[in-house]
Amino acid sequence: MERRRLDFLAFRLAIHNDCWYKNHMSISIIIPTLNEAATLAEVIEAARRTGDAEIIVVDGGSSDATLTIAAKADICLSSERGRAQQQNAGAKIAKGNVLLFLHADCLLKENCCDAIRSAMQNKDCIGGCFQQQIDAKGLRYRLLEKGNAMRVHCCKWAYGDQGIFVKRDTFKQVGGFPDIQLMEDLYLMKRLKKEGRFSLLDAHIIISARRWQQKGVIRQTLRNWAFVTLAHLGVSPNWLAKYYPHVR
């Protein structure tokens, strides 16, 4: 009888610990910006709807109304231009146990932060990303979504527009984003792959189709593959950045 009672108490304690961990895990959402006035307000509002999360906007020298809109965030700061540099600056002041890096043209769905908290209850999980929902109709975009999800599932390679999140302690341990001008997300993934489990969540993030629409789906996809291949072959990402078109 006493053994059953002890087993029951241990079971209740395990449930309590899991619930406490889930409910007390804090998340900081870090949004790097550069002339993103057209989308930033909606991005911040969507982040607010996910629940209790710290929202940090890090601007790289915008010349439009981005900074005015960024005042809606919990914290707004300026840093050296460059997505890697801006995200590192946000991570330095973030209070959350988990850091979520969000591009300024991506919208979180309401269940995103809850999905992160659920995933991080697995002590082996050091981070992850979301499924993509591209905001455009057409089979080609659905195929892109499936292909990008398979890339993460099979190769553990997540891109920044998939909403990469990671434990703050792990992010610090690997040195954060490397100080480069392009593909900082892939180089971070190289570092994270050695640290633990990286999860592809069932929750979705809505991403802008503007780059594919302006450049063409096939052309943009082939360009991405070419740049990633060149980087793997040792070509400097800072050199590649000179030839990568920026879309606003």
Protein backbone atom coordinates (compact mmCIF):
# COMPACT_ATOMS: atom_id res chain seq x y z
CA MET A 1 0.00 0.00 0.00
CA GLU A 2 2.81 2.35 0.92
CA ARG A 3 4.56 1.56 -2.39
CA ARG A 4 1.43 2.48 -4.35
CA ARG A 5 1.14 5.73 -2.45
CA LEU A 6 4.76 6.63 -3.20
CA ASP A 7 4.30 5.78 -6.89
CA PHE A 8 1.19 7.96 -7.01
CA LEU A 9 3.00 10.87 -5.36
CA ALA A 10 5.90 10.51 -7.78
CA PHE A 11 3.44 10.55 -10.69
CA ARG A 12 1.73 13.69 -9.38
CA LEU A 13 5.11 15.37 -8.85
CA ALA A 14 6.18 14.60 -12.42
CA ILE A 15 2.96 16.10 -13.79
CA HIS A 16 3.41 19.16 -11.57
CA ASN A 17 7.00 19.65 -12.73
CA ASP A 18 6.03 19.39 -16.41
CA CYS A 19 3.18 21.89 -15.95
CA TRP A 20 5.41 24.28 -14.01
CA TYR A 21 8.13 24.09 -16.66
CA LYS A 22 5.65 24.71 -19.46
CA ASN A 23 3.90 27.59 -17.71
CA HIS A 24 7.06 29.33 -16.48
CA MET A 25 9.22 29.05 -19.59
CA SER A 26 9.77 32.60 -20.82
CA ILE A 27 10.20 33.42 -24.51
CA SER A 28 11.83 36.45 -26.12
CA ILE A 29 10.85 37.21 -29.72
CA ILE A 30 13.67 39.05 -31.51
CA ILE A 31 12.78 40.87 -34.74
CA PRO A 32 15.59 42.39 -36.87
CA THR A 33 14.39 45.24 -39.10
CA LEU A 34 15.57 47.40 -41.96
CA ASN A 35 12.91 49.55 -43.64
CA GLU A 36 10.07 47.20 -42.72
CA ALA A 37 7.38 49.81 -42.02
CA ALA A 38 4.97 48.09 -44.41
CA THR A 39 4.81 44.86 -42.40
CA LEU A 40 6.16 45.49 -38.90
CA ALA A 41 2.95 46.58 -37.15
CA GLU A 42 1.15 43.40 -38.18
CA VAL A 43 4.17 41.29 -37.18
CA ILE A 44 4.24 42.80 -33.68
CA GLU A 45 0.47 42.44 -33.27
CA ALA A 46 0.62 38.78 -34.28
CA ALA A 47 3.47 38.21 -31.82
CA ARG A 48 1.37 39.80 -29.05
CA ARG A 49 -1.47 37.37 -29.73
CA THR A 50 0.78 34.39 -29.00
CA GLY A 51 0.58 35.23 -25.30
CA ASP A 52 3.17 36.07 -22.70
CA ALA A 53 6.37 36.76 -24.64
CA GLU A 54 8.92 39.57 -24.63
CA ILE A 55 9.06 41.35 -28.00
CA ILE A 56 12.34 42.99 -29.02
CA VAL A 57 12.83 44.93 -32.26
CA VAL A 58 16.43 45.57 -33.34
CA ASP A 59 16.77 48.10 -36.15
CA GLY A 60 19.72 48.31 -38.50
CA GLY A 61 19.32 51.93 -39.61
CA SER A 62 15.89 52.24 -41.22
CA SER A 63 15.07 55.40 -43.15
CA ASP A 64 11.29 54.87 -43.19
CA ALA A 65 8.76 54.75 -40.31
CA THR A 66 10.06 51.45 -38.93
CA LEU A 67 11.37 52.94 -35.67
CA THR A 68 8.09 54.71 -34.98
CA ILE A 69 6.17 51.47 -35.41
CA ALA A 70 8.78 49.54 -33.41
CA ALA A 71 7.77 51.54 -30.32
CA LYS A 72 4.86 49.08 -30.02
CA ALA A 73 7.35 46.39 -29.01
CA ASP A 74 8.52 45.89 -25.42
CA ILE A 75 12.05 46.94 -26.34
CA CYS A 76 13.38 48.75 -29.40
CA LEU A 77 17.07 49.29 -29.99
CA SER A 78 19.44 50.09 -32.83
CA SER A 79 22.56 48.17 -33.75
CA GLU A 80 25.08 47.67 -36.49
CA ARG A 81 23.33 46.76 -39.75
CA GLY A 82 23.20 43.08 -40.59
CA ARG A 83 20.68 40.43 -39.60
CA ALA A 84 23.28 38.43 -37.67
CA GLN A 85 24.53 41.47 -35.79
CA GLN A 86 21.02 42.71 -35.03
CA GLN A 87 19.81 39.34 -33.76
CA ASN A 88 22.89 38.96 -31.56
CA ALA A 89 22.26 42.43 -30.12
CA GLY A 90 18.69 41.45 -29.27
CA ALA A 91 19.80 38.17 -27.72
CA LYS A 92 22.21 40.00 -25.40
CA ILE A 93 19.42 41.92 -23.68
CA ALA A 94 16.67 39.28 -23.93
CA LYS A 95 15.25 37.99 -20.66
CA GLY A 96 13.62 34.83 -22.01
CA ASN A 97 14.80 31.26 -21.43
CA VAL A 98 14.10 30.67 -25.12
CA LEU A 99 15.01 33.01 -27.99
CA LEU A 100 12.75 33.10 -31.05
CA PHE A 101 14.26 34.88 -34.08
CA LEU A 102 11.49 36.24 -36.28
CA HIS A 103 11.90 37.89 -39.68
CA ALA A 104 9.97 41.14 -40.09
CA ASP A 105 7.75 39.74 -42.84
CA CYS A 106 6.68 36.62 -40.92
CA LEU A 107 3.56 36.26 -38.78
CA LEU A 108 3.30 33.95 -35.79
CA LYS A 109 0.05 32.08 -35.27
CA GLU A 110 -1.56 32.20 -31.83
CA ASN A 111 -0.41 28.70 -30.85
CA CYS A 112 3.27 29.21 -31.71
CA CYS A 113 4.59 30.03 -28.23
CA ASP A 114 2.53 27.24 -26.64
CA ALA A 115 3.99 24.86 -29.22
CA ILE A 116 7.51 25.98 -28.26
CA ARG A 117 6.81 25.42 -24.57
CA SER A 118 5.44 21.94 -25.26
CA ALA A 119 8.45 20.98 -27.40
CA MET A 120 10.94 22.27 -24.86
CA GLN A 121 9.54 19.99 -22.14
CA ASN A 122 11.72 17.37 -23.80
CA LYS A 123 15.01 18.00 -22.02
CA ASP A 124 16.97 16.82 -25.09
CA CYS A 125 15.41 19.54 -27.26
CA ILE A 126 17.63 22.61 -27.65
CA GLY A 127 15.48 24.38 -30.22
CA GLY A 128 13.46 24.08 -33.38
CA CYS A 129 11.40 25.88 -35.99
CA PHE A 130 7.88 26.02 -37.44
CA GLN A 131 6.10 24.70 -40.47
CA GLN A 132 5.75 27.38 -43.15
CA GLN A 133 2.50 28.75 -44.55
CA ILE A 134 3.35 30.93 -47.54
CA ASP A 135 0.78 33.71 -48.00
CA ALA A 136 0.04 32.95 -51.66
CA LYS A 137 -2.18 30.52 -53.52
CA GLY A 138 -0.90 27.88 -55.89
CA LEU A 139 0.52 24.36 -55.97
CA ARG A 140 4.09 25.64 -56.36
CA TYR A 141 3.90 27.34 -52.95
CA ARG A 142 2.47 24.21 -51.30
CA LEU A 143 5.36 22.22 -52.78
CA LEU A 144 7.81 24.78 -51.40
CA GLU A 145 6.27 24.40 -47.95
CA LYS A 146 6.57 20.61 -48.09
CA GLY A 147 10.10 20.73 -49.44
CA ASN A 148 11.28 23.15 -46.77
CA ALA A 149 9.72 21.00 -44.04
CA MET A 150 11.47 17.90 -45.43
CA ARG A 151 14.79 19.76 -45.46
CA VAL A 152 14.46 20.38 -41.73
CA HIS A 153 13.15 16.90 -40.96
CA CYS A 154 15.83 15.05 -42.93
CA CYS A 155 18.85 17.36 -42.80
CA LYS A 156 18.21 19.56 -39.73
CA TRP A 157 18.75 22.67 -41.87
CA ALA A 158 16.32 25.45 -40.96
CA TYR A 159 16.20 28.84 -42.65
CA GLY A 160 15.51 32.06 -40.79
CA ASP A 161 12.04 32.45 -42.30
CA GLN A 162 10.98 29.26 -40.52
CA GLY A 163 11.18 30.99 -37.14
CA ILE A 164 14.25 29.47 -35.50
CA PHE A 165 14.05 29.23 -31.71
CA VAL A 166 16.74 28.04 -29.31
CA LYS A 167 17.48 27.88 -25.61
CA ARG A 168 19.23 31.05 -24.56
CA ASP A 169 22.00 29.13 -22.75
CA THR A 170 22.63 26.98 -25.84
CA PHE A 171 22.68 30.06 -28.08
CA LYS A 172 25.34 31.63 -25.85
CA GLN A 173 27.30 28.39 -25.67
CA VAL A 174 27.67 28.15 -29.46
CA GLY A 175 28.60 31.82 -29.78
CA GLY A 176 25.35 33.08 -31.31
CA PHE A 177 25.11 34.00 -34.96
CA PRO A 178 28.45 34.29 -36.76
CA ASP A 179 29.41 37.83 -37.78
CA ILE A 180 28.60 37.44 -41.48
CA GLN A 181 26.36 39.26 -43.96
CA LEU A 182 24.46 36.30 -45.45
CA MET A 183 23.24 32.82 -44.45
CA GLU A 184 23.80 33.45 -40.77
CA ASP A 185 20.90 31.07 -40.14
CA LEU A 186 22.64 28.12 -41.81
CA TYR A 187 25.90 28.74 -39.99
CA LEU A 188 23.99 28.87 -36.69
CA MET A 189 22.36 25.56 -37.60
CA LYS A 190 25.80 24.03 -38.17
CA ARG A 191 26.65 24.93 -34.59
CA LEU A 192 23.33 23.80 -33.12
CA LYS A 193 23.30 20.37 -34.80
CA LYS A 194 26.02 19.23 -32.41
CA GLU A 195 24.20 20.38 -29.27
CA GLY A 196 21.00 18.33 -29.15
CA ARG A 197 17.61 17.69 -30.66
CA PHE A 198 16.19 20.27 -33.09
CA SER A 199 12.42 19.96 -33.53
CA LEU A 200 10.17 20.78 -36.47
CA LEU A 201 6.89 21.80 -34.83
CA ASP A 202 3.37 21.19 -36.13
CA ALA A 203 2.55 24.87 -35.54
CA HIS A 204 2.74 27.19 -38.56
CA ILE A 205 4.35 30.52 -39.28
CA ILE A 206 2.91 32.68 -42.08
CA ILE A 207 5.63 33.98 -44.39
CA SER A 208 5.58 36.54 -47.17
CA ALA A 209 5.75 35.33 -50.75
CA ARG A 210 7.22 38.63 -51.93
CA ARG A 211 10.68 37.32 -52.85
CA TRP A 212 9.29 34.42 -54.90
CA GLN A 213 6.69 36.68 -56.50
CA GLN A 214 9.25 39.31 -57.48
CA LYS A 215 12.02 36.95 -58.58
CA GLY A 216 10.04 33.90 -59.67
CA VAL A 217 9.63 30.66 -57.70
CA ILE A 218 12.00 28.52 -59.77
CA ARG A 219 14.60 31.24 -60.22
CA GLN A 220 14.63 32.15 -56.52
CA THR A 221 14.75 28.53 -55.38
CA LEU A 222 17.64 27.73 -57.72
CA ARG A 223 19.47 30.84 -56.53
CA ASN A 224 19.05 29.75 -52.91
CA TRP A 225 20.38 26.26 -53.67
CA ALA A 226 23.34 27.70 -55.57
CA PHE A 227 24.30 30.05 -52.74
CA VAL A 228 24.02 27.31 -50.12
CA THR A 229 26.12 24.95 -52.26
CA LEU A 230 28.81 27.59 -52.77
CA ALA A 231 28.89 28.27 -49.03
CA HIS A 232 29.34 24.54 -48.32
CA LEU A 233 32.22 24.53 -50.81
CA GLY A 234 33.94 27.24 -48.80
CA VAL A 235 32.98 30.44 -50.62
CA SER A 236 32.80 33.36 -48.18
CA PRO A 237 29.20 34.32 -47.27
CA ASN A 238 30.29 37.96 -47.13
CA TRP A 239 31.41 37.71 -50.77
CA LEU A 240 28.17 35.96 -51.73
CA ALA A 241 26.17 38.72 -50.03
CA LYS A 242 27.31 41.15 -52.74
CA TYR A 243 25.34 39.15 -55.30
CA TYR A 244 22.23 38.35 -53.27
CA PRO A 245 19.36 40.75 -54.08
CA HIS A 246 17.52 42.29 -51.13
CA VAL A 247 13.77 42.57 -51.51
CA ARG A 248 11.51 45.06 -49.74
